[in-house]
N, C-alpha and C. Protein backbone atom coordinates (compact mmCIF):
# COMPACT_ATOMS: atom_id res chain seq x y z
N MET A 1 -15.98 12.72 -29.59
CA MET A 1 -16.43 11.66 -28.70
C MET A 1 -16.83 12.30 -27.39
N LYS A 2 -17.92 11.78 -26.86
CA LYS A 2 -18.46 12.36 -25.63
C LYS A 2 -19.04 11.23 -24.77
N TRP A 3 -18.51 11.09 -23.56
CA TRP A 3 -19.06 10.13 -22.61
C TRP A 3 -20.08 10.88 -21.78
N ILE A 4 -21.31 10.44 -21.82
CA ILE A 4 -22.39 11.07 -21.06
C ILE A 4 -22.60 10.22 -19.81
N SER A 5 -21.94 10.62 -18.75
CA SER A 5 -21.90 9.77 -17.55
C SER A 5 -23.27 9.55 -16.93
N ASN A 6 -24.12 10.55 -16.94
CA ASN A 6 -25.46 10.37 -16.34
C ASN A 6 -26.27 9.31 -17.07
N ASP A 7 -25.97 9.12 -18.37
CA ASP A 7 -26.71 8.15 -19.17
C ASP A 7 -25.89 6.90 -19.49
N SER A 8 -24.62 6.85 -19.05
CA SER A 8 -23.72 5.74 -19.37
C SER A 8 -23.73 5.46 -20.87
N CYS A 9 -23.49 6.51 -21.64
CA CYS A 9 -23.61 6.40 -23.09
C CYS A 9 -22.41 7.09 -23.76
N LEU A 10 -21.77 6.39 -24.69
CA LEU A 10 -20.71 6.96 -25.50
C LEU A 10 -21.35 7.50 -26.77
N ALA A 11 -21.17 8.79 -27.02
CA ALA A 11 -21.84 9.43 -28.13
C ALA A 11 -20.86 10.27 -28.94
N VAL A 12 -21.34 10.73 -30.07
CA VAL A 12 -20.56 11.63 -30.93
C VAL A 12 -21.31 12.95 -31.01
N ASP A 13 -20.64 14.01 -30.61
CA ASP A 13 -21.22 15.35 -30.70
C ASP A 13 -20.81 15.92 -32.06
N THR A 14 -21.76 16.08 -32.96
CA THR A 14 -21.46 16.53 -34.32
C THR A 14 -21.39 18.04 -34.44
N GLY A 15 -21.71 18.73 -33.37
CA GLY A 15 -21.79 20.17 -33.42
C GLY A 15 -23.21 20.65 -33.69
N SER A 16 -23.98 19.80 -34.35
CA SER A 16 -25.38 20.13 -34.60
C SER A 16 -26.32 19.13 -33.93
N GLY A 17 -25.75 18.24 -33.16
CA GLY A 17 -26.54 17.24 -32.44
C GLY A 17 -25.66 16.14 -31.91
N VAL A 18 -26.22 15.35 -31.02
CA VAL A 18 -25.50 14.22 -30.44
C VAL A 18 -26.08 12.94 -31.00
N VAL A 19 -25.21 12.06 -31.53
CA VAL A 19 -25.66 10.81 -32.11
C VAL A 19 -24.95 9.63 -31.44
N VAL A 20 -25.60 8.49 -31.45
CA VAL A 20 -25.03 7.26 -30.91
C VAL A 20 -24.31 6.55 -32.06
N PRO A 21 -23.00 6.32 -31.92
CA PRO A 21 -22.28 5.64 -32.99
C PRO A 21 -22.54 4.14 -33.00
N ILE A 22 -22.61 3.58 -34.19
CA ILE A 22 -22.66 2.13 -34.36
C ILE A 22 -21.32 1.79 -35.01
N TRP A 23 -20.45 1.19 -34.22
CA TRP A 23 -19.08 0.93 -34.64
C TRP A 23 -18.99 -0.34 -35.48
N PRO A 24 -17.99 -0.43 -36.34
CA PRO A 24 -17.83 -1.64 -37.17
C PRO A 24 -17.37 -2.84 -36.35
N GLN A 25 -17.51 -3.99 -36.96
CA GLN A 25 -17.09 -5.24 -36.33
C GLN A 25 -15.61 -5.14 -35.95
N GLY A 26 -15.28 -5.68 -34.80
CA GLY A 26 -13.90 -5.67 -34.33
C GLY A 26 -13.58 -4.51 -33.39
N THR A 27 -14.51 -3.57 -33.25
CA THR A 27 -14.32 -2.45 -32.34
C THR A 27 -14.48 -2.95 -30.91
N ALA A 28 -13.59 -2.50 -30.02
CA ALA A 28 -13.64 -2.94 -28.63
C ALA A 28 -13.80 -1.72 -27.71
N PRO A 29 -14.60 -1.85 -26.65
CA PRO A 29 -14.74 -0.75 -25.70
C PRO A 29 -13.46 -0.57 -24.89
N LEU A 30 -13.22 0.66 -24.46
CA LEU A 30 -12.05 0.99 -23.63
C LEU A 30 -12.49 1.75 -22.39
N HIS A 31 -11.81 1.49 -21.31
CA HIS A 31 -11.98 2.30 -20.10
C HIS A 31 -10.61 2.38 -19.44
N THR A 32 -10.00 3.55 -19.51
CA THR A 32 -8.65 3.73 -18.99
C THR A 32 -8.61 3.98 -17.50
N GLY A 33 -9.76 4.05 -16.86
CA GLY A 33 -9.84 4.43 -15.47
C GLY A 33 -10.21 5.90 -15.34
N VAL A 34 -9.89 6.67 -16.36
CA VAL A 34 -10.23 8.09 -16.41
C VAL A 34 -11.14 8.37 -17.60
N HIS A 35 -10.81 7.79 -18.75
CA HIS A 35 -11.56 8.04 -19.98
C HIS A 35 -12.23 6.76 -20.48
N ARG A 36 -13.29 6.96 -21.24
CA ARG A 36 -13.96 5.85 -21.91
C ARG A 36 -13.90 6.09 -23.40
N GLY A 37 -13.97 5.03 -24.17
CA GLY A 37 -13.92 5.16 -25.61
C GLY A 37 -13.94 3.81 -26.28
N VAL A 38 -13.32 3.75 -27.47
CA VAL A 38 -13.27 2.51 -28.24
C VAL A 38 -11.89 2.36 -28.87
N SER A 39 -11.52 1.12 -29.14
CA SER A 39 -10.35 0.82 -29.95
C SER A 39 -10.89 0.38 -31.31
N LEU A 40 -10.63 1.19 -32.32
CA LEU A 40 -11.19 0.98 -33.65
C LEU A 40 -10.13 0.34 -34.55
N PRO A 41 -10.38 -0.85 -35.09
CA PRO A 41 -9.40 -1.53 -35.93
C PRO A 41 -8.93 -0.65 -37.09
N GLY A 42 -7.62 -0.58 -37.27
CA GLY A 42 -7.05 0.20 -38.36
C GLY A 42 -6.95 1.68 -38.07
N VAL A 43 -7.51 2.11 -36.94
CA VAL A 43 -7.50 3.53 -36.57
C VAL A 43 -6.76 3.74 -35.25
N GLY A 44 -7.09 2.93 -34.26
CA GLY A 44 -6.51 3.08 -32.93
C GLY A 44 -7.57 3.46 -31.92
N ASP A 45 -7.13 4.04 -30.83
CA ASP A 45 -8.03 4.38 -29.74
C ASP A 45 -8.66 5.75 -29.94
N LEU A 46 -9.95 5.82 -29.69
CA LEU A 46 -10.69 7.08 -29.66
C LEU A 46 -11.33 7.17 -28.29
N LEU A 47 -10.99 8.22 -27.56
CA LEU A 47 -11.48 8.38 -26.19
C LEU A 47 -12.36 9.61 -26.08
N ASP A 48 -13.19 9.64 -25.02
CA ASP A 48 -14.05 10.80 -24.82
C ASP A 48 -13.18 12.06 -24.79
N GLY A 49 -13.64 13.07 -25.47
CA GLY A 49 -12.90 14.31 -25.62
C GLY A 49 -12.11 14.37 -26.91
N ASP A 50 -11.82 13.21 -27.52
CA ASP A 50 -11.12 13.20 -28.81
C ASP A 50 -12.01 13.71 -29.92
N ARG A 51 -11.39 14.33 -30.89
CA ARG A 51 -12.11 14.75 -32.09
C ARG A 51 -11.64 13.88 -33.24
N PHE A 52 -12.58 13.54 -34.13
CA PHE A 52 -12.21 12.77 -35.30
C PHE A 52 -13.07 13.17 -36.48
N THR A 53 -12.53 12.91 -37.65
CA THR A 53 -13.28 13.12 -38.89
C THR A 53 -13.52 11.75 -39.49
N GLY A 54 -14.46 11.68 -40.38
CA GLY A 54 -14.70 10.39 -41.00
C GLY A 54 -15.94 10.35 -41.84
N ILE A 55 -16.26 9.16 -42.22
CA ILE A 55 -17.41 8.89 -43.07
C ILE A 55 -18.40 8.08 -42.25
N GLY A 56 -19.64 8.43 -42.37
CA GLY A 56 -20.67 7.68 -41.68
C GLY A 56 -22.02 7.98 -42.28
N VAL A 57 -22.97 7.19 -41.93
CA VAL A 57 -24.34 7.39 -42.42
C VAL A 57 -25.23 7.62 -41.21
N TRP A 58 -25.94 8.74 -41.21
CA TRP A 58 -26.80 9.11 -40.10
C TRP A 58 -28.18 8.50 -40.31
N HIS A 59 -28.74 7.96 -39.23
CA HIS A 59 -30.08 7.38 -39.25
C HIS A 59 -30.85 7.90 -38.04
N ARG A 60 -32.09 8.27 -38.24
CA ARG A 60 -32.90 8.69 -37.09
C ARG A 60 -33.24 7.48 -36.22
N GLU A 61 -33.53 6.36 -36.82
CA GLU A 61 -33.82 5.13 -36.08
C GLU A 61 -32.62 4.20 -36.18
N ASP A 62 -32.46 3.33 -35.21
CA ASP A 62 -31.36 2.36 -35.20
C ASP A 62 -31.47 1.45 -36.42
N PRO A 63 -30.54 1.57 -37.40
CA PRO A 63 -30.65 0.80 -38.63
C PRO A 63 -30.28 -0.68 -38.47
N MET A 64 -29.63 -1.00 -37.36
CA MET A 64 -29.15 -2.36 -37.16
C MET A 64 -30.00 -3.14 -36.16
N PHE A 65 -30.98 -2.47 -35.55
CA PHE A 65 -31.83 -3.09 -34.55
C PHE A 65 -31.01 -3.71 -33.42
N LEU A 66 -30.03 -2.93 -32.94
CA LEU A 66 -29.12 -3.41 -31.90
C LEU A 66 -29.65 -3.21 -30.49
N GLN A 67 -30.79 -2.56 -30.37
CA GLN A 67 -31.40 -2.36 -29.07
C GLN A 67 -30.47 -1.58 -28.13
N ALA A 68 -30.04 -0.40 -28.57
CA ALA A 68 -29.24 0.46 -27.69
C ALA A 68 -30.06 0.75 -26.44
N PRO A 69 -29.38 0.85 -25.29
CA PRO A 69 -30.13 1.14 -24.05
C PRO A 69 -30.97 2.40 -24.21
N GLY A 70 -32.13 2.41 -23.57
CA GLY A 70 -33.05 3.53 -23.68
C GLY A 70 -32.41 4.85 -23.37
N ARG A 71 -31.49 4.87 -22.41
CA ARG A 71 -30.86 6.14 -22.04
C ARG A 71 -30.00 6.68 -23.17
N CYS A 72 -29.53 5.84 -24.07
CA CYS A 72 -28.74 6.31 -25.21
C CYS A 72 -29.65 6.81 -26.34
N ARG A 73 -30.91 6.52 -26.26
CA ARG A 73 -31.82 6.92 -27.32
C ARG A 73 -32.28 8.37 -27.20
N ARG A 74 -31.82 9.07 -26.15
CA ARG A 74 -32.15 10.49 -26.03
C ARG A 74 -31.16 11.31 -26.85
N SER A 75 -30.94 10.90 -28.06
CA SER A 75 -29.99 11.56 -28.94
C SER A 75 -30.73 11.97 -30.21
N ASN A 76 -29.96 12.51 -31.15
CA ASN A 76 -30.55 12.92 -32.42
C ASN A 76 -30.52 11.81 -33.46
N GLY A 77 -30.16 10.60 -33.06
CA GLY A 77 -30.14 9.49 -34.00
C GLY A 77 -28.90 8.64 -33.85
N PHE A 78 -28.57 7.93 -34.90
CA PHE A 78 -27.48 6.96 -34.90
C PHE A 78 -26.55 7.25 -36.06
N LEU A 79 -25.26 7.01 -35.85
CA LEU A 79 -24.26 7.20 -36.88
C LEU A 79 -23.60 5.85 -37.14
N LEU A 80 -23.83 5.29 -38.32
CA LEU A 80 -23.20 4.05 -38.73
C LEU A 80 -21.81 4.43 -39.23
N VAL A 81 -20.77 4.10 -38.46
CA VAL A 81 -19.40 4.55 -38.72
C VAL A 81 -18.71 3.67 -39.74
N ASP A 82 -18.15 4.28 -40.78
CA ASP A 82 -17.34 3.59 -41.78
C ASP A 82 -15.88 3.79 -41.39
N PRO A 83 -15.18 2.74 -40.96
CA PRO A 83 -13.82 2.91 -40.44
C PRO A 83 -12.81 3.33 -41.49
N SER A 84 -13.12 3.16 -42.77
CA SER A 84 -12.13 3.47 -43.81
C SER A 84 -11.80 4.95 -43.88
N GLY A 85 -12.69 5.81 -43.37
CA GLY A 85 -12.42 7.23 -43.45
C GLY A 85 -12.16 7.91 -42.13
N VAL A 86 -12.09 7.14 -41.03
CA VAL A 86 -11.93 7.75 -39.71
C VAL A 86 -10.48 8.16 -39.48
N LYS A 87 -10.31 9.41 -39.10
CA LYS A 87 -8.99 9.94 -38.75
C LYS A 87 -9.12 10.78 -37.49
N ARG A 88 -8.24 10.54 -36.56
CA ARG A 88 -8.23 11.29 -35.31
C ARG A 88 -7.67 12.68 -35.58
N VAL A 89 -8.30 13.70 -35.01
CA VAL A 89 -7.88 15.08 -35.16
C VAL A 89 -7.06 15.44 -33.93
N THR A 90 -5.86 15.94 -34.14
CA THR A 90 -5.02 16.34 -33.01
C THR A 90 -4.92 17.85 -32.94
N GLY A 91 -4.67 18.32 -31.75
CA GLY A 91 -4.45 19.76 -31.57
C GLY A 91 -5.64 20.57 -31.32
């Protein structure tokens, strides 16, 4: 997870590119005062700087037509996140 403050965009750095996540229904944004992230149902909180593994489908164009802000579109695409496989990586 990566908060890009200049663009006000929460992104996922895959190691080979930065993608904008499309979270499943029920996901809520978080701002702890220091960190930004999401509360993912069945998984818990994921904050900027956290690493996680999971299942998702990468799309070059926004598959849901959610109209992500233009500043978030300076990425390598979109990741449709499947919550059933998301696990936070510790350490």
